[in-house]
Amino acid sequence: GARMDMKVGELFILIAAVLSFIELINSTSASATAI
């Protein structure tokens, strides 16, 4: 019954967290690109 309001600031943090996760996955490579 509650309503969750997603604000612009919270959306930025969500986007940054998802992109950070993708970066962590990319960091598992030991190539020159990853370095």
PDB file of all heavy atoms in Angstrom:
ATOM      1  N   GLY A   1       0.814  -1.211   0.000  1.00  0.00           N
ATOM      2  CA  GLY A   1       0.000   0.000   0.000  1.00  0.00           C
ATOM      3  C   GLY A   1       0.848   1.262   0.000  1.00  0.00           C
ATOM      4  O   GLY A   1       0.353   2.347  -0.252  1.00  0.00           O
ATOM      5  N   ALA A   2       2.134   1.111   0.294  1.00  0.00           N
ATOM      6  CA  ALA A   2       3.036   2.255   0.267  1.00  0.00           C
ATOM      7  C   ALA A   2       3.339   2.627  -1.185  1.00  0.00           C
ATOM      8  O   ALA A   2       3.169   1.823  -2.099  1.00  0.00           O
ATOM      9  CB  ALA A   2       4.332   1.922   1.001  1.00  0.00           C
ATOM     10  N   ARG A   3       3.762   3.842  -1.375  1.00  0.00           N
ATOM     11  CA  ARG A   3       4.154   4.311  -2.705  1.00  0.00           C
ATOM     12  C   ARG A   3       5.618   4.719  -2.652  1.00  0.00           C
ATOM     13  O   ARG A   3       6.004   5.524  -1.811  1.00  0.00           O
ATOM     14  CB  ARG A   3       3.295   5.503  -3.121  1.00  0.00           C
ATOM     15  CG  ARG A   3       1.829   5.143  -3.273  1.00  0.00           C
ATOM     16  CD  ARG A   3       0.946   6.367  -3.458  1.00  0.00           C
ATOM     17  NE  ARG A   3       1.440   7.327  -4.418  1.00  0.00           N
ATOM     18  CZ  ARG A   3       1.044   7.401  -5.691  1.00  0.00           C
ATOM     19  NH1 ARG A   3       0.139   6.554  -6.124  1.00  0.00           N
ATOM     20  NH2 ARG A   3       1.516   8.317  -6.503  1.00  0.00           N
ATOM     21  N   MET A   4       6.405   4.143  -3.546  1.00  0.00           N
ATOM     22  CA  MET A   4       7.819   4.486  -3.595  1.00  0.00           C
ATOM     23  C   MET A   4       8.037   5.540  -4.675  1.00  0.00           C
ATOM     24  O   MET A   4       7.705   5.319  -5.833  1.00  0.00           O
ATOM     25  CB  MET A   4       8.680   3.263  -3.915  1.00  0.00           C
ATOM     26  CG  MET A   4      10.146   3.568  -3.810  1.00  0.00           C
ATOM     27  SD  MET A   4      11.206   2.477  -4.753  1.00  0.00           S
ATOM     28  CE  MET A   4      10.903   3.030  -6.403  1.00  0.00           C
ATOM     29  N   ASP A   5       8.556   6.692  -4.265  1.00  0.00           N
ATOM     30  CA  ASP A   5       8.879   7.749  -5.209  1.00  0.00           C
ATOM     31  C   ASP A   5      10.354   7.638  -5.576  1.00  0.00           C
ATOM     32  O   ASP A   5      11.223   7.714  -4.703  1.00  0.00           O
ATOM     33  CB  ASP A   5       8.618   9.129  -4.598  1.00  0.00           C
ATOM     34  CG  ASP A   5       7.143   9.392  -4.358  1.00  0.00           C
ATOM     35  OD1 ASP A   5       6.320   8.798  -5.078  1.00  0.00           O
ATOM     36  OD2 ASP A   5       6.825  10.183  -3.456  1.00  0.00           O
ATOM     37  N   MET A   6      10.648   7.456  -6.860  1.00  0.00           N
ATOM     38  CA  MET A   6      12.030   7.422  -7.340  1.00  0.00           C
ATOM     39  C   MET A   6      12.390   8.838  -7.768  1.00  0.00           C
ATOM     40  O   MET A   6      11.789   9.380  -8.690  1.00  0.00           O
ATOM     41  CB  MET A   6      12.192   6.444  -8.508  1.00  0.00           C
ATOM     42  CG  MET A   6      13.578   6.414  -9.109  1.00  0.00           C
ATOM     43  SD  MET A   6      14.870   5.809  -8.003  1.00  0.00           S
ATOM     44  CE  MET A   6      14.562   4.065  -8.062  1.00  0.00           C
ATOM     45  N   LYS A   7      13.357   9.422  -7.069  1.00  0.00           N
ATOM     46  CA  LYS A   7      13.780  10.783  -7.370  1.00  0.00           C
ATOM     47  C   LYS A   7      14.989  10.757  -8.302  1.00  0.00           C
ATOM     48  O   LYS A   7      15.635   9.726  -8.462  1.00  0.00           O
ATOM     49  CB  LYS A   7      14.092  11.513  -6.077  1.00  0.00           C
ATOM     50  CG  LYS A   7      12.874  11.603  -5.162  1.00  0.00           C
ATOM     51  CD  LYS A   7      13.097  12.546  -4.031  1.00  0.00           C
ATOM     52  CE  LYS A   7      11.957  12.628  -3.071  1.00  0.00           C
ATOM     53  NZ  LYS A   7      10.635  12.599  -3.557  1.00  0.00           N
ATOM     54  N   VAL A   8      15.285  11.879  -8.918  1.00  0.00           N
ATOM     55  CA  VAL A   8      16.393  11.977  -9.874  1.00  0.00           C
ATOM     56  C   VAL A   8      17.708  11.574  -9.208  1.00  0.00           C
ATOM     57  O   VAL A   8      18.483  10.800  -9.777  1.00  0.00           O
ATOM     58  CB  VAL A   8      16.487  13.411 -10.452  1.00  0.00           C
ATOM     59  CG1 VAL A   8      17.745  13.589 -11.278  1.00  0.00           C
ATOM     60  CG2 VAL A   8      15.264  13.724 -11.285  1.00  0.00           C
ATOM     61  N   GLY A   9      17.970  12.051  -8.005  1.00  0.00           N
ATOM     62  CA  GLY A   9      19.210  11.714  -7.300  1.00  0.00           C
ATOM     63  C   GLY A   9      19.338  10.222  -7.050  1.00  0.00           C
ATOM     64  O   GLY A   9      20.415   9.640  -7.222  1.00  0.00           O
ATOM     65  N   GLU A  10      18.252   9.594  -6.643  1.00  0.00           N
ATOM     66  CA  GLU A  10      18.266   8.152  -6.411  1.00  0.00           C
ATOM     67  C   GLU A  10      18.472   7.385  -7.709  1.00  0.00           C
ATOM     68  O   GLU A  10      19.157   6.353  -7.736  1.00  0.00           O
ATOM     69  CB  GLU A  10      16.962   7.721  -5.737  1.00  0.00           C
ATOM     70  CG  GLU A  10      16.790   8.316  -4.356  1.00  0.00           C
ATOM     71  CD  GLU A  10      15.375   8.237  -3.838  1.00  0.00           C
ATOM     72  OE1 GLU A  10      14.439   8.048  -4.638  1.00  0.00           O
ATOM     73  OE2 GLU A  10      15.196   8.387  -2.615  1.00  0.00           O
ATOM     74  N   LEU A  11      17.921   7.887  -8.794  1.00  0.00           N
ATOM     75  CA  LEU A  11      18.095   7.253 -10.094  1.00  0.00           C
ATOM     76  C   LEU A  11      19.556   7.328 -10.550  1.00  0.00           C
ATOM     77  O   LEU A  11      20.090   6.372 -11.101  1.00  0.00           O
ATOM     78  CB  LEU A  11      17.163   7.893 -11.124  1.00  0.00           C
ATOM     79  CG  LEU A  11      17.065   7.210 -12.473  1.00  0.00           C
ATOM     80  CD1 LEU A  11      16.577   5.770 -12.320  1.00  0.00           C
ATOM     81  CD2 LEU A  11      16.133   7.984 -13.387  1.00  0.00           C
ATOM     82  N   PHE A  12      20.201   8.463 -10.281  1.00  0.00           N
ATOM     83  CA  PHE A  12      21.629   8.583 -10.601  1.00  0.00           C
ATOM     84  C   PHE A  12      22.455   7.560  -9.831  1.00  0.00           C
ATOM     85  O   PHE A  12      23.366   6.940 -10.374  1.00  0.00           O
ATOM     86  CB  PHE A  12      22.148   9.986 -10.291  1.00  0.00           C
ATOM     87  CG  PHE A  12      21.875  10.986 -11.357  1.00  0.00           C
ATOM     88  CD1 PHE A  12      21.193  12.146 -11.068  1.00  0.00           C
ATOM     89  CD2 PHE A  12      22.288  10.778 -12.664  1.00  0.00           C
ATOM     90  CE1 PHE A  12      20.935  13.082 -12.043  1.00  0.00           C
ATOM     91  CE2 PHE A  12      22.027  11.706 -13.651  1.00  0.00           C
ATOM     92  CZ  PHE A  12      21.355  12.858 -13.344  1.00  0.00           C
ATOM     93  N   ILE A  13      22.143   7.381  -8.567  1.00  0.00           N
ATOM     94  CA  ILE A  13      22.881   6.412  -7.759  1.00  0.00           C
ATOM     95  C   ILE A  13      22.639   5.001  -8.279  1.00  0.00           C
ATOM     96  O   ILE A  13      23.569   4.186  -8.365  1.00  0.00           O
ATOM     97  CB  ILE A  13      22.500   6.546  -6.268  1.00  0.00           C
ATOM     98  CG1 ILE A  13      22.977   7.906  -5.745  1.00  0.00           C
ATOM     99  CG2 ILE A  13      23.106   5.409  -5.445  1.00  0.00           C
ATOM    100  CD1 ILE A  13      22.434   8.274  -4.391  1.00  0.00           C
ATOM    101  N   LEU A  14      21.418   4.694  -8.661  1.00  0.00           N
ATOM    102  CA  LEU A  14      21.097   3.389  -9.232  1.00  0.00           C
ATOM    103  C   LEU A  14      21.874   3.154 -10.530  1.00  0.00           C
ATOM    104  O   LEU A  14      22.468   2.086 -10.722  1.00  0.00           O
ATOM    105  CB  LEU A  14      19.588   3.277  -9.486  1.00  0.00           C
ATOM    106  CG  LEU A  14      19.114   1.994 -10.165  1.00  0.00           C
ATOM    107  CD1 LEU A  14      19.376   0.792  -9.264  1.00  0.00           C
ATOM    108  CD2 LEU A  14      17.651   2.094 -10.517  1.00  0.00           C
ATOM    109  N   ILE A  15      21.882   4.140 -11.409  1.00  0.00           N
ATOM    110  CA  ILE A  15      22.629   4.015 -12.670  1.00  0.00           C
ATOM    111  C   ILE A  15      24.116   3.821 -12.390  1.00  0.00           C
ATOM    112  O   ILE A  15      24.762   2.951 -12.990  1.00  0.00           O
ATOM    113  CB  ILE A  15      22.385   5.256 -13.555  1.00  0.00           C
ATOM    114  CG1 ILE A  15      20.947   5.271 -14.057  1.00  0.00           C
ATOM    115  CG2 ILE A  15      23.371   5.308 -14.718  1.00  0.00           C
ATOM    116  CD1 ILE A  15      20.528   6.584 -14.690  1.00  0.00           C
ATOM    117  N   ALA A  16      24.663   4.605 -11.471  1.00  0.00           N
ATOM    118  CA  ALA A  16      26.085   4.489 -11.140  1.00  0.00           C
ATOM    119  C   ALA A  16      26.403   3.118 -10.540  1.00  0.00           C
ATOM    120  O   ALA A  16      27.444   2.529 -10.837  1.00  0.00           O
ATOM    121  CB  ALA A  16      26.499   5.598 -10.177  1.00  0.00           C
ATOM    122  N   ALA A  17      25.511   2.572  -9.718  1.00  0.00           N
ATOM    123  CA  ALA A  17      25.738   1.256  -9.120  1.00  0.00           C
ATOM    124  C   ALA A  17      25.732   0.158 -10.186  1.00  0.00           C
ATOM    125  O   ALA A  17      26.579  -0.742 -10.167  1.00  0.00           O
ATOM    126  CB  ALA A  17      24.684   0.963  -8.053  1.00  0.00           C
ATOM    127  N   VAL A  18      24.809   0.238 -11.129  1.00  0.00           N
ATOM    128  CA  VAL A  18      24.751  -0.756 -12.210  1.00  0.00           C
ATOM    129  C   VAL A  18      26.003  -0.659 -13.071  1.00  0.00           C
ATOM    130  O   VAL A  18      26.627  -1.677 -13.418  1.00  0.00           O
ATOM    131  CB  VAL A  18      23.464  -0.579 -13.055  1.00  0.00           C
ATOM    132  CG1 VAL A  18      23.521  -1.403 -14.321  1.00  0.00           C
ATOM    133  CG2 VAL A  18      22.241  -0.941 -12.230  1.00  0.00           C
ATOM    134  N   LEU A  19      26.409   0.558 -13.420  1.00  0.00           N
ATOM    135  CA  LEU A  19      27.623   0.730 -14.225  1.00  0.00           C
ATOM    136  C   LEU A  19      28.861   0.267 -13.467  1.00  0.00           C
ATOM    137  O   LEU A  19      29.787  -0.292 -14.056  1.00  0.00           O
ATOM    138  CB  LEU A  19      27.760   2.185 -14.674  1.00  0.00           C
ATOM    139  CG  LEU A  19      26.723   2.659 -15.682  1.00  0.00           C
ATOM    140  CD1 LEU A  19      26.894   4.141 -15.969  1.00  0.00           C
ATOM    141  CD2 LEU A  19      26.804   1.852 -16.967  1.00  0.00           C
ATOM    142  N   SER A  20      28.876   0.482 -12.162  1.00  0.00           N
ATOM    143  CA  SER A  20      30.002   0.015 -11.348  1.00  0.00           C
ATOM    144  C   SER A  20      30.076  -1.510 -11.357  1.00  0.00           C
ATOM    145  O   SER A  20      31.161  -2.093 -11.430  1.00  0.00           O
ATOM    146  CB  SER A  20      29.846   0.529  -9.913  1.00  0.00           C
ATOM    147  OG  SER A  20      30.931   0.143  -9.125  1.00  0.00           O
ATOM    148  N   PHE A  21      28.922  -2.169 -11.306  1.00  0.00           N
ATOM    149  CA  PHE A  21      28.887  -3.630 -11.377  1.00  0.00           C
ATOM    150  C   PHE A  21      29.448  -4.119 -12.710  1.00  0.00           C
ATOM    151  O   PHE A  21      30.235  -5.070 -12.759  1.00  0.00           O
ATOM    152  CB  PHE A  21      27.461  -4.137 -11.177  1.00  0.00           C
ATOM    153  CG  PHE A  21      27.318  -5.607 -11.362  1.00  0.00           C
ATOM    154  CD1 PHE A  21      27.809  -6.494 -10.409  1.00  0.00           C
ATOM    155  CD2 PHE A  21      26.703  -6.128 -12.491  1.00  0.00           C
ATOM    156  CE1 PHE A  21      27.695  -7.860 -10.577  1.00  0.00           C
ATOM    157  CE2 PHE A  21      26.583  -7.495 -12.670  1.00  0.00           C
ATOM    158  CZ  PHE A  21      27.078  -8.364 -11.712  1.00  0.00           C
ATOM    159  N   ILE A  22      29.058  -3.467 -13.793  1.00  0.00           N
ATOM    160  CA  ILE A  22      29.574  -3.840 -15.112  1.00  0.00           C
ATOM    161  C   ILE A  22      31.081  -3.642 -15.163  1.00  0.00           C
ATOM    162  O   ILE A  22      31.816  -4.470 -15.713  1.00  0.00           O
ATOM    163  CB  ILE A  22      28.855  -3.038 -16.220  1.00  0.00           C
ATOM    164  CG1 ILE A  22      27.381  -3.434 -16.282  1.00  0.00           C
ATOM    165  CG2 ILE A  22      29.525  -3.246 -17.575  1.00  0.00           C
ATOM    166  CD1 ILE A  22      26.529  -2.532 -17.145  1.00  0.00           C
ATOM    167  N   GLU A  23      31.561  -2.565 -14.560  1.00  0.00           N
ATOM    168  CA  GLU A  23      33.006  -2.316 -14.506  1.00  0.00           C
ATOM    169  C   GLU A  23      33.725  -3.436 -13.739  1.00  0.00           C
ATOM    170  O   GLU A  23      34.814  -3.853 -14.131  1.00  0.00           O
ATOM    171  CB  GLU A  23      33.296  -0.981 -13.818  1.00  0.00           C
ATOM    172  CG  GLU A  23      33.097   0.211 -14.691  1.00  0.00           C
ATOM    173  CD  GLU A  23      34.145   0.323 -15.778  1.00  0.00           C
ATOM    174  OE1 GLU A  23      35.340   0.134 -15.506  1.00  0.00           O
ATOM    175  OE2 GLU A  23      33.753   0.582 -16.917  1.00  0.00           O
ATOM    176  N   LEU A  24      33.125  -3.894 -12.655  1.00  0.00           N
ATOM    177  CA  LEU A  24      33.745  -4.971 -11.881  1.00  0.00           C
ATOM    178  C   LEU A  24      33.831  -6.252 -12.698  1.00  0.00           C
ATOM    179  O   LEU A  24      34.825  -6.980 -12.629  1.00  0.00           O
ATOM    180  CB  LEU A  24      32.974  -5.215 -10.587  1.00  0.00           C
ATOM    181  CG  LEU A  24      33.124  -4.143  -9.529  1.00  0.00           C
ATOM    182  CD1 LEU A  24      32.240  -4.449  -8.333  1.00  0.00           C
ATOM    183  CD2 LEU A  24      34.565  -3.999  -9.095  1.00  0.00           C
ATOM    184  N   ILE A  25      32.817  -6.530 -13.475  1.00  0.00           N
ATOM    185  CA  ILE A  25      32.858  -7.710 -14.338  1.00  0.00           C
ATOM    186  C   ILE A  25      33.958  -7.559 -15.382  1.00  0.00           C
ATOM    187  O   ILE A  25      34.707  -8.502 -15.652  1.00  0.00           O
ATOM    188  CB  ILE A  25      31.483  -7.950 -14.992  1.00  0.00           C
ATOM    189  CG1 ILE A  25      30.479  -8.386 -13.934  1.00  0.00           C
ATOM    190  CG2 ILE A  25      31.582  -8.995 -16.099  1.00  0.00           C
ATOM    191  CD1 ILE A  25      29.060  -8.471 -14.420  1.00  0.00           C
ATOM    192  N   ASN A  26      34.091  -6.366 -15.949  1.00  0.00           N
ATOM    193  CA  ASN A  26      35.139  -6.129 -16.947  1.00  0.00           C
ATOM    194  C   ASN A  26      36.532  -6.219 -16.347  1.00  0.00           C
ATOM    195  O   ASN A  26      37.494  -6.511 -17.051  1.00  0.00           O
ATOM    196  CB  ASN A  26      34.960  -4.761 -17.604  1.00  0.00           C
ATOM    197  CG  ASN A  26      33.849  -4.753 -18.618  1.00  0.00           C
ATOM    198  OD1 ASN A  26      33.436  -5.799 -19.112  1.00  0.00           O
ATOM    199  ND2 ASN A  26      33.347  -3.574 -18.925  1.00  0.00           N
ATOM    200  N   SER A  27      36.667  -5.955 -15.056  1.00  0.00           N
ATOM    201  CA  SER A  27      37.994  -5.954 -14.439  1.00  0.00           C
ATOM    202  C   SER A  27      38.547  -7.364 -14.234  1.00  0.00           C
ATOM    203  O   SER A  27      39.702  -7.518 -13.851  1.00  0.00           O
ATOM    204  CB  SER A  27      37.963  -5.218 -13.103  1.00  0.00           C
ATOM    205  OG  SER A  27      37.226  -5.938 -12.153  1.00  0.00           O
ATOM    206  N   THR A  28      37.755  -8.388 -14.491  1.00  0.00           N
ATOM    207  CA  THR A  28      38.260  -9.752 -14.328  1.00  0.00           C
ATOM    208  C   THR A  28      39.218 -10.140 -15.447  1.00  0.00           C
ATOM    209  O   THR A  28      39.904 -11.144 -15.356  1.00  0.00           O
ATOM    210  CB  THR A  28      37.104 -10.766 -14.294  1.00  0.00           C
ATOM    211  OG1 THR A  28      36.355 -10.674 -15.504  1.00  0.00           O
ATOM    212  CG2 THR A  28      36.203 -10.505 -13.099  1.00  0.00           C
ATOM    213  N   SER A  29      39.282  -9.341 -16.489  1.00  0.00           N
ATOM    214  CA  SER A  29      40.207  -9.602 -17.583  1.00  0.00           C
ATOM    215  C   SER A  29      41.591  -9.082 -17.209  1.00  0.00           C
ATOM    216  O   SER A  29      41.721  -8.041 -16.574  1.00  0.00           O
ATOM    217  CB  SER A  29      39.717  -8.903 -18.849  1.00  0.00           C
ATOM    218  OG  SER A  29      40.699  -8.931 -19.850  1.00  0.00           O
ATOM    219  N   ALA A  30      42.632  -9.790 -17.616  1.00  0.00           N
ATOM    220  CA  ALA A  30      44.000  -9.361 -17.327  1.00  0.00           C
ATOM    221  C   ALA A  30      44.674  -8.798 -18.577  1.00  0.00           C
ATOM    222  O   ALA A  30      45.883  -8.746 -18.663  1.00  0.00           O
ATOM    223  CB  ALA A  30      44.810 -10.529 -16.774  1.00  0.00           C
ATOM    224  N   SER A  31      43.888  -8.366 -19.527  1.00  0.00           N
ATOM    225  CA  SER A  31      44.436  -7.869 -20.782  1.00  0.00           C
ATOM    226  C   SER A  31      44.934  -6.435 -20.632  1.00  0.00           C
ATOM    227  O   SER A  31      44.680  -5.759 -19.637  1.00  0.00           O
ATOM    228  CB  SER A  31      43.357  -7.926 -21.869  1.00  0.00           C
ATOM    229  OG  SER A  31      42.327  -7.012 -21.563  1.00  0.00           O
ATOM    230  N   ALA A  32      45.645  -5.978 -21.656  1.00  0.00           N
ATOM    231  CA  ALA A  32      46.126  -4.596 -21.666  1.00  0.00           C
ATOM    232  C   ALA A  32      44.949  -3.623 -21.667  1.00  0.00           C
ATOM    233  O   ALA A  32      45.034  -2.528 -21.105  1.00  0.00           O
ATOM    234  CB  ALA A  32      47.009  -4.363 -22.882  1.00  0.00           C
ATOM    235  N   THR A  33      43.833  -4.021 -22.257  1.00  0.00           N
ATOM    236  CA  THR A  33      42.634  -3.191 -22.269  1.00  0.00           C
ATOM    237  C   THR A  33      42.145  -2.957 -20.847  1.00  0.00           C
ATOM    238  O   THR A  33      41.794  -1.832 -20.484  1.00  0.00           O
ATOM    239  CB  THR A  33      41.525  -3.875 -23.094  1.00  0.00           C
ATOM    240  OG1 THR A  33      41.991  -4.060 -24.423  1.00  0.00           O
ATOM    241  CG2 THR A  33      40.257  -3.064 -23.105  1.00  0.00           C
ATOM    242  N   ALA A  34      42.128  -3.992 -20.029  1.00  0.00           N
ATOM    243  CA  ALA A  34      41.667  -3.862 -18.638  1.00  0.00           C
ATOM    244  C   ALA A  34      42.619  -2.991 -17.839  1.00  0.00           C
ATOM    245  O   ALA A  34      42.183  -2.196 -16.997  1.00  0.00           O
ATOM    246  CB  ALA A  34      41.535  -5.232 -17.995  1.00  0.00           C
ATOM    247  N   ILE A  35      43.902  -3.108 -18.090  1.00  0.00           N
ATOM    248  CA  ILE A  35      44.885  -2.297 -17.358  1.00  0.00           C
ATOM    249  C   ILE A  35      44.696  -0.818 -17.691  1.00  0.00           C
ATOM    250  O   ILE A  35      44.719   0.034 -16.800  1.00  0.00           O
ATOM    251  CB  ILE A  35      46.313  -2.785 -17.667  1.00  0.00           C
ATOM    252  CG1 ILE A  35      46.492  -4.185 -17.097  1.00  0.00           C
ATOM    253  CG2 ILE A  35      47.350  -1.826 -17.098  1.00  0.00           C
ATOM    254  CD1 ILE A  35      47.741  -4.890 -17.543  1.00  0.00           C
TER     255      ILE A  35
END
